[in-house]
Amino acid sequence: MAELKAADFSGTYACTGQDAQEGPYTGTVKLTRVEAHSTGNQGSYQFTLEVPGYGLYSGEAVSDGTMMAMHFALADQTTRDYGTGIARFIRTKQGKWMFNKFYYEPEFKGGNHGSELCVQQ
């Protein structure tokens, strides 16, 4: 039986989001696949999200097929602005990847959640 090869979601994505505490925002996500820790239909990634006016969130992500879990944290740890997200990837009509992510932040401003729509550039 042939082993499945995971899709590579590496790239830069333009995002628009809606945060329950902060409202609408835009940002740029960068995903970089870590080949040494990817196998079969599962992939490992380095993750960054830069949001103007807020800063750089760094973390990691893992994919299984077209689903991806992401962990992220703002560089300024005093804000307690960190969390976990889950996303589903689909292809656009132009052949680019896009994902819709839901996230949860347990300690930011007493608890928070939100969503992002991101399209590969």
N, C-alpha and C. Protein backbone atom coordinates (compact mmCIF):
# COMPACT_ATOMS: atom_id res chain seq x y z
N MET A 1 0.84 -1.18 0.00
CA MET A 1 0.00 0.00 0.00
C MET A 1 0.88 1.25 0.00
N ALA A 2 0.65 2.16 -0.91
CA ALA A 2 1.45 3.38 -1.02
C ALA A 2 1.13 4.33 0.13
N GLU A 3 2.19 4.96 0.65
CA GLU A 3 2.01 5.92 1.73
C GLU A 3 1.51 7.25 1.15
N LEU A 4 0.53 7.85 1.81
CA LEU A 4 0.02 9.14 1.38
C LEU A 4 1.04 10.23 1.65
N LYS A 5 1.12 11.21 0.80
CA LYS A 5 1.99 12.37 1.00
C LYS A 5 1.11 13.57 1.31
N ALA A 6 1.39 14.21 2.41
CA ALA A 6 0.60 15.38 2.82
C ALA A 6 0.79 16.53 1.85
N ALA A 7 -0.26 17.31 1.65
CA ALA A 7 -0.14 18.55 0.88
C ALA A 7 0.79 19.49 1.62
N ASP A 8 1.51 20.33 0.90
CA ASP A 8 2.40 21.32 1.51
C ASP A 8 1.68 22.66 1.52
N PHE A 9 1.37 23.16 2.71
CA PHE A 9 0.65 24.42 2.85
C PHE A 9 1.59 25.60 3.07
N SER A 10 2.89 25.40 2.88
CA SER A 10 3.88 26.46 3.08
C SER A 10 3.54 27.67 2.21
N GLY A 11 3.79 28.86 2.77
CA GLY A 11 3.57 30.07 2.01
C GLY A 11 3.17 31.22 2.89
N THR A 12 2.88 32.34 2.24
CA THR A 12 2.44 33.56 2.90
C THR A 12 0.97 33.77 2.59
N TYR A 13 0.19 34.09 3.61
CA TYR A 13 -1.26 34.22 3.49
C TYR A 13 -1.71 35.60 3.98
N ALA A 14 -2.57 36.26 3.23
CA ALA A 14 -3.20 37.51 3.66
C ALA A 14 -4.48 37.14 4.41
N CYS A 15 -4.64 37.70 5.61
CA CYS A 15 -5.76 37.30 6.47
C CYS A 15 -6.62 38.48 6.89
N THR A 16 -7.91 38.20 7.04
CA THR A 16 -8.84 39.12 7.68
C THR A 16 -9.47 38.33 8.82
N GLY A 17 -9.60 38.99 9.96
CA GLY A 17 -10.11 38.28 11.12
C GLY A 17 -11.13 39.07 11.89
N GLN A 18 -11.80 38.36 12.79
CA GLN A 18 -12.76 38.97 13.70
C GLN A 18 -12.48 38.41 15.09
N ASP A 19 -12.04 39.28 16.00
CA ASP A 19 -11.68 38.89 17.36
C ASP A 19 -12.77 39.34 18.32
N ALA A 20 -13.19 38.46 19.21
CA ALA A 20 -14.30 38.78 20.12
C ALA A 20 -13.98 39.96 21.03
N GLN A 21 -12.71 40.12 21.42
CA GLN A 21 -12.33 41.22 22.31
C GLN A 21 -11.89 42.47 21.55
N GLU A 22 -11.18 42.30 20.43
CA GLU A 22 -10.55 43.42 19.73
C GLU A 22 -11.26 43.85 18.45
N GLY A 23 -12.19 43.05 17.95
CA GLY A 23 -12.90 43.41 16.72
C GLY A 23 -12.17 42.98 15.47
N PRO A 24 -12.46 43.63 14.33
CA PRO A 24 -11.86 43.23 13.06
C PRO A 24 -10.37 43.57 12.99
N TYR A 25 -9.62 42.76 12.26
CA TYR A 25 -8.19 42.99 12.07
C TYR A 25 -7.73 42.34 10.77
N THR A 26 -6.53 42.71 10.35
CA THR A 26 -5.88 42.07 9.22
C THR A 26 -4.52 41.59 9.68
N GLY A 27 -3.96 40.64 8.95
CA GLY A 27 -2.65 40.13 9.31
C GLY A 27 -2.05 39.31 8.18
N THR A 28 -0.82 38.87 8.41
CA THR A 28 -0.10 38.04 7.45
C THR A 28 0.41 36.79 8.16
N VAL A 29 -0.01 35.63 7.66
CA VAL A 29 0.45 34.35 8.19
C VAL A 29 1.54 33.80 7.29
N LYS A 30 2.59 33.25 7.91
CA LYS A 30 3.63 32.52 7.16
C LYS A 30 3.71 31.12 7.74
N LEU A 31 3.58 30.13 6.86
CA LEU A 31 3.71 28.72 7.22
C LEU A 31 4.93 28.16 6.51
N THR A 32 5.79 27.46 7.27
CA THR A 32 6.97 26.83 6.70
C THR A 32 6.98 25.37 7.13
N ARG A 33 6.89 24.48 6.15
CA ARG A 33 6.85 23.04 6.44
C ARG A 33 8.21 22.57 6.97
N VAL A 34 8.16 21.72 7.99
CA VAL A 34 9.36 21.12 8.56
C VAL A 34 9.40 19.67 8.07
N GLU A 35 10.14 19.44 6.98
CA GLU A 35 10.16 18.12 6.33
C GLU A 35 10.61 17.01 7.26
N ALA A 36 11.60 17.29 8.11
CA ALA A 36 12.15 16.26 8.99
C ALA A 36 11.11 15.71 9.97
N HIS A 37 10.04 16.46 10.19
CA HIS A 37 9.02 16.03 11.15
C HIS A 37 7.64 15.92 10.50
N SER A 38 7.64 15.70 9.19
CA SER A 38 6.40 15.47 8.45
C SER A 38 6.46 14.06 7.87
N THR A 39 5.32 13.38 7.90
CA THR A 39 5.31 12.00 7.42
C THR A 39 3.93 11.63 6.91
N GLY A 40 3.91 10.88 5.84
CA GLY A 40 2.63 10.43 5.30
C GLY A 40 1.70 11.59 5.03
N ASN A 41 0.48 11.50 5.55
CA ASN A 41 -0.54 12.52 5.34
C ASN A 41 -0.50 13.62 6.41
N GLN A 42 0.56 13.61 7.22
CA GLN A 42 0.68 14.59 8.30
C GLN A 42 1.89 15.49 8.10
N GLY A 43 1.70 16.77 8.38
CA GLY A 43 2.78 17.74 8.21
C GLY A 43 3.01 18.55 9.47
N SER A 44 4.25 18.97 9.65
CA SER A 44 4.65 19.84 10.77
C SER A 44 5.11 21.18 10.19
N TYR A 45 4.78 22.27 10.88
CA TYR A 45 5.05 23.61 10.36
C TYR A 45 5.51 24.55 11.45
N GLN A 46 6.35 25.52 11.05
CA GLN A 46 6.59 26.71 11.85
C GLN A 46 5.51 27.71 11.42
N PHE A 47 5.00 28.48 12.36
CA PHE A 47 3.87 29.37 12.12
C PHE A 47 4.19 30.76 12.65
N THR A 48 3.91 31.80 11.87
CA THR A 48 3.94 33.17 12.38
C THR A 48 2.72 33.91 11.85
N LEU A 49 2.24 34.82 12.68
CA LEU A 49 1.15 35.73 12.30
C LEU A 49 1.58 37.12 12.72
N GLU A 50 1.67 38.03 11.76
CA GLU A 50 1.98 39.42 12.07
C GLU A 50 0.72 40.25 11.90
N VAL A 51 0.35 40.95 12.98
CA VAL A 51 -0.86 41.79 12.97
C VAL A 51 -0.44 43.23 13.25
N PRO A 52 -0.60 44.13 12.27
CA PRO A 52 -0.23 45.54 12.49
C PRO A 52 -0.92 46.11 13.73
N GLY A 53 -0.13 46.79 14.55
CA GLY A 53 -0.67 47.38 15.77
C GLY A 53 -0.66 46.44 16.97
N TYR A 54 -0.43 45.13 16.75
CA TYR A 54 -0.41 44.16 17.85
C TYR A 54 0.93 43.47 17.98
N GLY A 55 1.54 43.08 16.84
CA GLY A 55 2.85 42.45 16.90
C GLY A 55 2.92 41.12 16.19
N LEU A 56 3.95 40.36 16.56
CA LEU A 56 4.25 39.07 15.93
C LEU A 56 3.88 37.92 16.87
N TYR A 57 3.03 37.04 16.36
CA TYR A 57 2.67 35.81 17.06
C TYR A 57 3.47 34.68 16.42
N SER A 58 4.18 33.90 17.22
CA SER A 58 4.95 32.76 16.72
C SER A 58 4.40 31.48 17.30
N GLY A 59 4.63 30.39 16.59
CA GLY A 59 4.18 29.10 17.10
C GLY A 59 4.47 27.98 16.15
N GLU A 60 3.68 26.93 16.27
CA GLU A 60 3.83 25.75 15.45
C GLU A 60 2.45 25.24 15.07
N ALA A 61 2.47 24.39 14.03
CA ALA A 61 1.20 23.84 13.54
C ALA A 61 1.45 22.42 13.06
N VAL A 62 0.40 21.61 13.09
CA VAL A 62 0.45 20.26 12.54
C VAL A 62 -0.80 20.05 11.68
N SER A 63 -0.60 19.35 10.56
CA SER A 63 -1.73 19.09 9.67
C SER A 63 -1.97 17.59 9.57
N ASP A 64 -3.22 17.26 9.32
CA ASP A 64 -3.63 15.89 9.01
C ASP A 64 -4.61 16.04 7.86
N GLY A 65 -4.15 15.68 6.66
CA GLY A 65 -4.97 15.95 5.48
C GLY A 65 -5.11 17.44 5.29
N THR A 66 -6.35 17.93 5.20
CA THR A 66 -6.57 19.37 5.01
C THR A 66 -6.96 20.09 6.30
N MET A 67 -6.82 19.42 7.43
CA MET A 67 -7.08 20.04 8.73
C MET A 67 -5.74 20.40 9.37
N MET A 68 -5.69 21.54 10.07
CA MET A 68 -4.46 21.96 10.73
C MET A 68 -4.79 22.55 12.09
N ALA A 69 -4.01 22.13 13.09
CA ALA A 69 -4.07 22.72 14.43
C ALA A 69 -2.87 23.64 14.58
N MET A 70 -3.09 24.81 15.20
CA MET A 70 -2.05 25.82 15.34
C MET A 70 -1.98 26.29 16.78
N HIS A 71 -0.77 26.45 17.28
CA HIS A 71 -0.56 27.07 18.58
C HIS A 71 0.25 28.34 18.33
N PHE A 72 -0.13 29.44 18.98
CA PHE A 72 0.53 30.73 18.73
C PHE A 72 0.60 31.54 20.01
N ALA A 73 1.59 32.44 20.07
CA ALA A 73 1.75 33.32 21.23
C ALA A 73 2.37 34.63 20.78
N LEU A 74 1.85 35.73 21.31
CA LEU A 74 2.42 37.04 21.05
C LEU A 74 3.79 37.11 21.72
N ALA A 75 4.75 37.76 21.06
CA ALA A 75 6.11 37.87 21.60
C ALA A 75 6.10 38.52 22.99
N ASP A 76 5.27 39.53 23.21
CA ASP A 76 5.15 40.18 24.51
C ASP A 76 4.27 39.30 25.41
N GLN A 77 4.92 38.51 26.25
CA GLN A 77 4.19 37.53 27.05
C GLN A 77 3.39 38.14 28.20
N THR A 78 3.61 39.41 28.51
CA THR A 78 2.85 40.03 29.60
C THR A 78 1.38 40.17 29.26
N THR A 79 1.03 40.13 27.97
CA THR A 79 -0.36 40.28 27.54
C THR A 79 -1.18 39.00 27.72
N ARG A 80 -0.50 37.87 27.91
CA ARG A 80 -1.17 36.55 28.00
C ARG A 80 -1.97 36.27 26.72
N ASP A 81 -1.48 36.82 25.60
CA ASP A 81 -2.15 36.71 24.30
C ASP A 81 -1.56 35.51 23.54
N TYR A 82 -2.10 34.35 23.85
CA TYR A 82 -1.68 33.10 23.20
C TYR A 82 -2.90 32.20 23.08
N GLY A 83 -2.80 31.22 22.19
CA GLY A 83 -3.94 30.33 22.05
C GLY A 83 -3.71 29.20 21.06
N THR A 84 -4.80 28.54 20.73
CA THR A 84 -4.81 27.39 19.83
C THR A 84 -5.91 27.60 18.80
N GLY A 85 -5.61 27.24 17.56
CA GLY A 85 -6.60 27.36 16.50
C GLY A 85 -6.72 26.07 15.71
N ILE A 86 -7.81 25.96 14.98
CA ILE A 86 -8.00 24.85 14.06
C ILE A 86 -8.49 25.40 12.74
N ALA A 87 -7.94 24.87 11.66
CA ALA A 87 -8.25 25.40 10.33
C ALA A 87 -8.50 24.27 9.34
N ARG A 88 -9.30 24.58 8.34
CA ARG A 88 -9.53 23.66 7.22
C ARG A 88 -9.07 24.37 5.95
N PHE A 89 -8.23 23.69 5.18
CA PHE A 89 -7.69 24.24 3.94
C PHE A 89 -8.51 23.77 2.75
N ILE A 90 -8.72 24.68 1.80
CA ILE A 90 -9.32 24.34 0.51
C ILE A 90 -8.57 25.11 -0.57
N ARG A 91 -8.73 24.69 -1.82
CA ARG A 91 -8.11 25.39 -2.94
C ARG A 91 -9.08 26.43 -3.49
N THR A 92 -8.54 27.59 -3.86
CA THR A 92 -9.35 28.61 -4.53
C THR A 92 -9.48 28.23 -6.00
N LYS A 93 -10.33 28.94 -6.73
CA LYS A 93 -10.46 28.71 -8.17
C LYS A 93 -9.15 28.97 -8.90
N GLN A 94 -8.29 29.80 -8.31
CA GLN A 94 -7.00 30.12 -8.90
C GLN A 94 -5.91 29.11 -8.52
N GLY A 95 -6.29 28.09 -7.74
CA GLY A 95 -5.34 27.06 -7.36
C GLY A 95 -4.52 27.37 -6.11
N LYS A 96 -4.81 28.48 -5.44
CA LYS A 96 -4.10 28.84 -4.21
C LYS A 96 -4.79 28.18 -3.02
N TRP A 97 -4.02 27.98 -1.95
CA TRP A 97 -4.62 27.48 -0.72
C TRP A 97 -5.28 28.63 0.04
N MET A 98 -6.35 28.33 0.74
CA MET A 98 -6.96 29.26 1.68
C MET A 98 -7.43 28.45 2.89
N PHE A 99 -7.52 29.12 4.02
CA PHE A 99 -8.02 28.43 5.21
C PHE A 99 -8.89 29.34 6.04
N ASN A 100 -9.81 28.70 6.74
CA ASN A 100 -10.68 29.36 7.69
C ASN A 100 -10.31 28.79 9.05
N LYS A 101 -9.92 29.67 9.98
CA LYS A 101 -9.42 29.23 11.29
C LYS A 101 -10.33 29.76 12.40
N PHE A 102 -10.60 28.92 13.38
CA PHE A 102 -11.24 29.31 14.63
C PHE A 102 -10.18 29.18 15.71
N TYR A 103 -10.11 30.17 16.61
CA TYR A 103 -9.11 30.08 17.68
C TYR A 103 -9.71 30.42 19.04
N TYR A 104 -9.00 29.94 20.07
CA TYR A 104 -9.38 30.15 21.46
C TYR A 104 -8.15 30.60 22.23
N GLU A 105 -8.31 31.65 23.03
CA GLU A 105 -7.24 32.16 23.89
C GLU A 105 -7.75 32.15 25.33
N PRO A 106 -7.28 31.20 26.14
CA PRO A 106 -7.87 31.02 27.47
C PRO A 106 -7.59 32.14 28.46
N GLU A 107 -6.49 32.92 28.29
CA GLU A 107 -6.13 33.91 29.30
C GLU A 107 -6.13 35.35 28.81
N PHE A 108 -6.29 35.59 27.52
CA PHE A 108 -6.27 36.96 27.02
C PHE A 108 -7.54 37.68 27.41
N LYS A 109 -7.41 38.72 28.25
CA LYS A 109 -8.55 39.53 28.70
C LYS A 109 -9.68 38.69 29.28
N GLY A 110 -9.32 37.67 30.05
CA GLY A 110 -10.32 36.83 30.70
C GLY A 110 -10.89 35.73 29.83
N GLY A 111 -10.34 35.53 28.65
CA GLY A 111 -10.81 34.52 27.71
C GLY A 111 -11.24 35.18 26.41
N ASN A 112 -10.94 34.53 25.30
CA ASN A 112 -11.20 35.15 24.01
C ASN A 112 -11.30 34.08 22.92
N HIS A 113 -11.91 34.45 21.82
CA HIS A 113 -11.98 33.58 20.64
C HIS A 113 -12.12 34.47 19.41
N GLY A 114 -11.99 33.84 18.25
CA GLY A 114 -12.16 34.58 17.02
C GLY A 114 -11.99 33.69 15.82
N SER A 115 -12.01 34.31 14.63
CA SER A 115 -11.87 33.55 13.39
C SER A 115 -11.07 34.37 12.39
N GLU A 116 -10.44 33.67 11.45
CA GLU A 116 -9.67 34.28 10.38
C GLU A 116 -9.96 33.58 9.07
N LEU A 117 -9.96 34.34 8.01
CA LEU A 117 -9.98 33.80 6.65
C LEU A 117 -8.69 34.25 6.00
N CYS A 118 -7.88 33.30 5.53
CA CYS A 118 -6.56 33.59 5.00
C CYS A 118 -6.40 32.98 3.62
N VAL A 119 -5.84 33.76 2.68
CA VAL A 119 -5.66 33.32 1.29
C VAL A 119 -4.18 33.42 0.93
N GLN A 120 -3.67 32.34 0.36
CA GLN A 120 -2.26 32.28 -0.03
C GLN A 120 -1.95 33.34 -1.10
N GLN A 121 -0.82 34.00 -0.93
CA GLN A 121 -0.39 35.05 -1.87
C GLN A 121 0.50 34.48 -2.95
